[in-house]
Protein backbone atom coordinates (compact mmCIF):
# COMPACT_ATOMS: atom_id res chain seq x y z
CA MET A 1 127.80 107.75 81.78
CA SER A 2 124.93 110.13 82.92
CA HIS A 3 124.14 109.86 86.87
CA ILE A 4 121.30 107.22 88.60
CA ASP A 5 117.85 109.25 88.69
CA PHE A 6 116.46 107.70 91.96
CA ILE A 7 117.50 106.10 94.96
CA GLY A 8 114.87 103.84 97.25
CA ILE A 9 116.99 104.15 100.84
CA GLY A 10 114.58 101.75 103.11
CA ALA A 11 113.44 100.75 105.11
CA PRO A 12 112.73 96.98 105.26
CA LYS A 13 110.04 95.23 105.18
CA CYS A 14 108.30 97.80 104.71
CA GLY A 15 106.69 96.90 101.01
CA THR A 16 109.98 97.96 99.37
CA THR A 17 109.88 94.67 97.10
CA TRP A 18 106.17 95.42 95.69
CA LEU A 19 107.27 98.66 95.19
CA SER A 20 110.58 97.75 93.36
CA ALA A 21 108.78 95.52 91.05
CA GLN A 22 106.25 98.38 89.83
CA LEU A 23 109.69 100.57 89.20
CA GLU A 24 111.01 97.45 87.22
CA ALA A 25 108.16 97.08 84.89
CA HIS A 26 107.89 100.89 83.64
CA PRO A 27 109.59 100.92 80.42
CA GLN A 28 110.72 104.37 81.02
CA ILE A 29 112.57 103.51 84.57
CA GLY A 30 115.98 101.51 83.85
CA PHE A 31 116.24 99.95 86.95
CA ALA A 32 118.96 98.09 88.49
CA SER A 33 118.65 94.26 87.60
CA ASP A 34 119.17 92.73 91.51
CA LYS A 35 117.47 95.70 92.52
CA GLU A 36 120.04 96.43 95.54
CA VAL A 37 123.23 97.42 94.21
CA TYR A 38 124.79 97.86 97.65
CA TYR A 39 127.01 100.35 96.11
CA PHE A 40 126.95 103.28 98.82
CA ALA A 41 126.67 100.96 101.77
CA ASP A 42 126.58 97.25 102.53
CA THR A 43 123.67 95.42 103.87
CA ILE A 44 123.10 95.36 107.37
CA LEU A 45 124.24 91.55 107.79
CA ARG A 46 127.22 92.10 106.33
CA ARG A 47 128.45 95.09 108.10
CA LEU A 48 127.15 93.31 111.00
CA ALA A 49 129.68 90.23 110.37
CA GLY A 50 132.40 92.58 109.15
CA LYS A 51 132.58 90.79 105.45
CA GLU A 52 131.27 93.91 103.21
CA LEU A 53 131.51 93.89 99.72
CA ARG A 54 133.34 97.23 99.54
CA CYS A 55 131.41 97.65 96.07
CA PHE A 56 131.58 101.71 96.69
CA GLU A 57 135.63 101.22 95.93
CA ARG A 58 134.94 99.87 92.39
CA GLY A 59 134.31 103.45 91.33
CA GLU A 60 131.23 104.98 89.98
CA ALA A 61 131.89 103.57 86.23
CA TRP A 62 131.17 100.13 87.70
CA TYR A 63 128.00 101.10 89.67
CA HIS A 64 126.56 102.96 85.95
CA ASP A 65 127.36 99.74 84.82
CA GLN A 66 124.80 97.76 86.97
CA PHE A 67 122.16 99.40 85.05
CA PRO A 68 120.04 99.91 81.80
CA ALA A 69 122.03 102.28 79.43
CA ALA A 70 119.76 105.68 79.59
CA ALA A 71 119.01 105.06 75.97
CA GLY A 72 115.59 104.85 74.24
CA ALA A 73 112.68 104.97 75.91
CA ILE A 74 114.26 104.99 79.27
CA SER A 75 113.92 108.34 81.59
CA SER A 76 114.98 107.67 84.54
CA ARG A 77 117.04 105.28 86.30
CA GLY A 78 117.63 103.92 89.70
CA GLU A 79 117.83 101.46 92.89
CA PHE A 80 115.86 99.98 96.13
CA CYS A 81 118.60 99.14 98.95
CA PRO A 82 117.03 99.37 102.12
CA SER A 83 120.05 99.01 103.93
CA TYR A 84 121.59 102.97 102.80
CA LEU A 85 118.87 104.12 105.45
CA TYR A 86 121.27 103.09 108.38
CA SER A 87 124.24 103.70 106.96
CA GLU A 88 125.09 108.28 107.53
CA GLU A 89 128.04 107.50 104.98
CA ALA A 90 126.06 106.53 102.48
CA ALA A 91 123.53 109.45 103.06
CA ALA A 92 127.26 111.80 102.35
CA ARG A 93 128.66 109.06 99.45
CA LEU A 94 124.70 109.74 98.03
CA ALA A 95 124.66 113.56 98.84
CA ALA A 96 128.15 113.93 97.07
CA TYR A 97 127.26 111.92 93.46
CA ARG A 98 124.15 113.52 92.91
CA PRO A 99 122.79 116.28 95.14
CA ASP A 100 119.22 116.80 93.57
CA ILE A 101 119.15 113.18 93.39
CA LYS A 102 115.10 111.96 94.06
CA LEU A 103 114.30 109.45 97.13
CA LEU A 104 112.26 107.12 97.82
CA LEU A 105 111.81 105.42 101.60
CA CYS A 106 108.97 103.05 102.93
CA LEU A 107 107.71 102.96 106.22
CA ARG A 108 105.59 100.74 108.45
CA PRO A 109 105.14 100.65 112.43
CA PRO A 110 108.74 99.54 113.73
CA VAL A 111 107.55 96.74 115.57
CA ASP A 112 105.76 95.12 113.02
CA MET A 113 109.02 95.96 110.63
CA ILE A 114 111.34 94.71 113.19
CA TYR A 115 109.86 91.53 113.77
CA SER A 116 109.31 90.90 110.35
CA TRP A 117 112.99 91.10 109.43
CA TYR A 118 114.08 88.89 112.10
CA TRP A 119 112.06 86.12 110.76
CA TYR A 120 112.78 87.18 107.53
CA ASN A 121 116.84 86.44 108.05
CA ARG A 122 116.73 84.17 110.55
CA ASN A 123 118.14 81.99 108.36
CA ALA A 124 121.18 83.75 106.59
CA VAL A 125 124.38 82.67 105.75
CA VAL A 126 126.37 85.65 105.88
CA ALA A 127 125.66 86.39 109.78
CA SER A 128 124.18 84.46 112.09
CA LEU A 129 121.11 85.84 114.16
CA PRO A 130 119.52 84.67 117.86
CA ASP A 131 117.74 81.70 118.27
CA SER A 132 114.58 84.19 119.57
CA PHE A 133 113.88 87.34 119.04
CA GLU A 134 113.78 88.69 121.92
CA GLU A 135 117.55 87.60 122.03
CA MET A 136 117.94 89.69 119.12
CA MET A 137 116.63 92.85 120.73
CA GLU A 138 119.35 92.62 123.35
CA ASN A 139 121.67 93.67 120.59
CA PRO A 140 121.67 97.78 120.26
CA PHE A 141 122.15 97.95 117.16
CA LEU A 142 119.59 95.25 115.73
CA ARG A 143 117.16 96.53 118.05
CA ASP A 144 117.61 100.35 117.11
CA LEU A 145 117.06 99.35 113.22
CA GLY A 146 113.09 100.74 113.72
CA CYS A 147 114.25 104.10 115.06
CA PHE A 148 113.34 105.52 111.68
CA ALA A 149 114.01 109.27 112.86
CA ARG A 150 117.62 109.01 113.81
CA TYR A 151 118.96 107.40 110.53
CA LEU A 152 116.63 109.43 108.39
CA ARG A 153 117.89 113.00 109.76
CA PRO A 154 121.01 112.52 107.82
CA TYR A 155 119.06 112.71 104.56
CA LEU A 156 117.13 115.79 105.19
CA ASP A 157 120.32 117.30 106.32
CA ARG A 158 121.59 117.02 103.02
CA PHE A 159 118.90 116.46 100.86
CA PRO A 160 116.23 119.15 99.84
CA ALA A 161 112.32 117.92 101.10
CA GLN A 162 111.14 117.75 97.51
CA ASN A 163 113.52 115.50 96.72
CA ILE A 164 111.84 113.09 99.09
CA LEU A 165 108.84 110.78 99.00
CA VAL A 166 107.77 108.71 101.99
CA VAL A 167 105.63 105.30 101.31
CA GLN A 168 103.52 104.18 104.28
CA PHE A 169 103.25 100.02 104.16
CA ASP A 170 99.45 100.22 104.82
CA ALA A 171 98.80 102.69 101.85
CA ILE A 172 100.68 99.83 99.59
CA ARG A 173 97.95 97.65 100.88
CA ARG A 174 95.28 99.84 101.08
CA ALA A 175 95.30 101.89 97.82
CA PRO A 176 98.03 100.25 95.52
CA GLU A 177 96.88 101.83 92.57
CA HIS A 178 97.41 105.42 94.08
CA VAL A 179 100.47 104.67 95.48
CA ARG A 180 101.86 103.34 92.14
CA GLN A 181 100.62 106.27 90.23
CA ARG A 182 102.01 109.06 92.40
CA VAL A 183 105.51 107.75 92.78
CA TYR A 184 105.33 107.22 88.66
CA GLU A 185 104.86 111.09 89.01
CA PHE A 186 107.27 111.32 91.13
CA LEU A 187 109.75 109.96 89.10
CA HIS A 188 108.31 112.24 85.91
CA VAL A 189 107.55 109.01 84.04
CA ALA A 190 103.79 107.95 82.93
CA ALA A 191 101.77 108.12 85.30
CA ASP A 192 98.92 105.77 84.07
CA PHE A 193 101.08 102.98 82.64
CA LYS A 194 99.87 99.78 84.97
CA PRO A 195 101.64 96.92 84.96
CA GLN A 196 100.36 93.20 85.22
CA LEU A 197 102.33 91.85 88.07
CA GLU A 198 101.70 89.31 90.69
CA ALA A 199 101.83 90.60 94.66
CA GLY A 200 105.84 90.86 94.76
CA LYS A 201 106.40 89.59 98.94
CA ASN A 202 109.50 89.00 100.65
CA ALA A 203 107.71 86.07 102.69
CA ALA A 204 109.65 84.54 105.98
CA ARG A 205 111.55 81.65 105.79
CA ALA A 206 113.32 78.91 107.84
CA PRO A 207 116.59 76.08 107.05
CA ARG A 208 114.99 72.70 105.83
CA PHE A 209 118.30 71.42 107.54
CA PRO A 210 119.72 73.41 110.72
CA LEU A 211 122.58 71.66 110.38
CA LEU A 212 123.21 72.20 106.68
CA GLN A 213 122.60 75.60 107.88
CA SER A 214 125.33 76.24 110.36
CA SER A 215 127.62 74.30 108.33
CA ALA A 216 127.64 76.56 105.55
CA GLN A 217 127.54 79.23 107.76
CA ARG A 218 131.35 77.72 108.96
CA LEU A 219 132.31 76.60 104.93
CA TYR A 220 131.77 80.44 104.43
CA GLY A 221 134.04 82.07 106.89
CA GLY A 222 136.42 79.04 106.14
CA VAL A 223 136.49 79.78 102.71
CA SER A 224 136.42 83.81 102.50
CA THR A 225 139.77 83.33 104.12
CA LEU A 226 141.50 81.94 101.39
CA PRO A 227 143.53 83.98 98.60
CA GLY A 228 141.76 84.57 95.29
CA VAL A 229 138.71 82.39 96.86
CA GLY A 230 137.87 85.79 98.88
CA LYS A 231 138.22 88.22 96.04
CA LEU A 232 135.84 86.22 94.14
CA LEU A 233 133.32 86.02 97.18
CA ARG A 234 132.99 89.94 97.18
CA SER A 235 132.07 90.00 93.76
CA PRO A 236 128.39 91.14 93.92
CA ALA A 237 127.32 88.52 91.39
CA VAL A 238 128.76 86.14 92.93
CA ALA A 239 127.47 86.25 96.28
CA LYS A 240 123.82 86.93 95.05
CA THR A 241 124.14 83.48 93.35
CA LEU A 242 125.20 81.70 96.26
CA GLN A 243 122.60 83.44 97.97
CA SER A 244 119.76 82.35 95.56
CA ALA A 245 121.65 78.85 95.31
CA TYR A 246 121.30 78.54 99.47
CA HIS A 247 117.81 79.56 99.94
CA ARG A 248 116.67 77.27 97.01
CA LEU A 249 118.34 74.23 99.06
CA ASN A 250 118.04 74.65 102.26
CA THR A 251 114.94 77.17 103.13
CA LYS A 252 111.24 77.09 102.99
CA THR A 253 108.16 79.53 103.93
CA HIS A 254 107.88 79.93 107.64
CA LYS A 255 104.81 81.63 108.79
CA TYR A 256 106.21 82.58 112.32
CA GLU A 257 104.07 83.58 115.16
CA PRO A 258 102.62 86.74 116.10
CA LEU A 259 104.10 88.88 118.93
CA SER A 260 102.51 88.57 122.37
CA PRO A 261 100.36 91.69 123.21
CA GLU A 262 102.53 92.50 126.16
CA GLU A 263 105.60 91.99 124.04
CA HIS A 264 104.10 94.08 121.37
CA LEU A 265 103.59 96.92 123.66
CA LYS A 266 106.79 96.64 125.33
CA ARG A 267 108.65 97.43 122.13
CA GLU A 268 106.66 100.14 121.10
CA THR A 269 107.22 101.85 124.43
CA TYR A 270 111.03 101.27 123.37
CA TYR A 271 110.65 102.92 119.89
CA ALA A 272 107.59 105.45 121.10
CA ALA A 273 109.94 109.23 121.79
CA ASP A 274 111.25 108.19 118.15
CA GLN A 275 108.21 107.84 116.34
CA GLU A 276 107.15 111.14 117.81
CA GLU A 277 109.96 112.62 116.78
CA LEU A 278 109.02 111.02 112.71
CA SER A 279 105.83 112.49 113.05
CA HIS A 280 107.64 115.86 113.47
CA LEU A 281 109.93 114.90 110.42
CA LEU A 282 107.40 113.58 108.48
CA ARG A 283 105.44 116.75 108.49
CA THR A 284 108.21 118.81 106.09
CA LEU A 285 107.66 115.73 103.36
CA GLU A 286 105.34 114.06 100.96
CA VAL A 287 103.95 110.90 102.56
CA ILE A 288 101.57 108.67 100.84
CA GLU A 289 99.48 107.28 103.77
């Protein structure tokens, strides 16, 4: 089977759900059925918890089976997996897989991204996040998810600039039709296609019953160690099915309070040096802003 043509590498909570919907709707694009295959690197939370699915070990044939066949009208195939940005191993694996692959990257101000990411993932089963955003920001790995320049460098070292398209979150909000058209052009599919879609957004969620969340976390951790069951849970399809079932049962949309101006400024100061470097790196790339 022919290789995949494009990959969305990140970043989370930066408009990737909206952009993925535009890609999936196009008749010339064969988009992964689950949006995120996690072949080149697993989710941020699974890596944090040491519970990776290890999909890369399944091989390229398995990976290609996650996409529609490159036949008929389909001329470009790909996925959007925001966790890839945070893995230099994923960058190396992607370069070895296809050095001329096209890469899509969505960005937004890092404080907005990391705060939104925290609230969206607070109710996860695979790994627990602290009870407060301030506590989470004491974890160096999680805090540095907003250091976009640091994680973008390994990709710039391995892929030509003309194969990377950056989409700013504000551009999606301000001019979605322009963003969609330029992304379609970048992927060499009909740019005048206009999908009829509802606005895509992953809202923050909170557990309906906190005790059920903690019980689910303990149950998942326990059964993961059982012979046979652990292997079953490492199936991406099973993992996603269980996650969806849990969200339907025990989560609800949640409107969280914005960061205080003082806390926002404090976090902006932390990311300032990386943001300055990012502005230099982006000068070599096409950026929709």
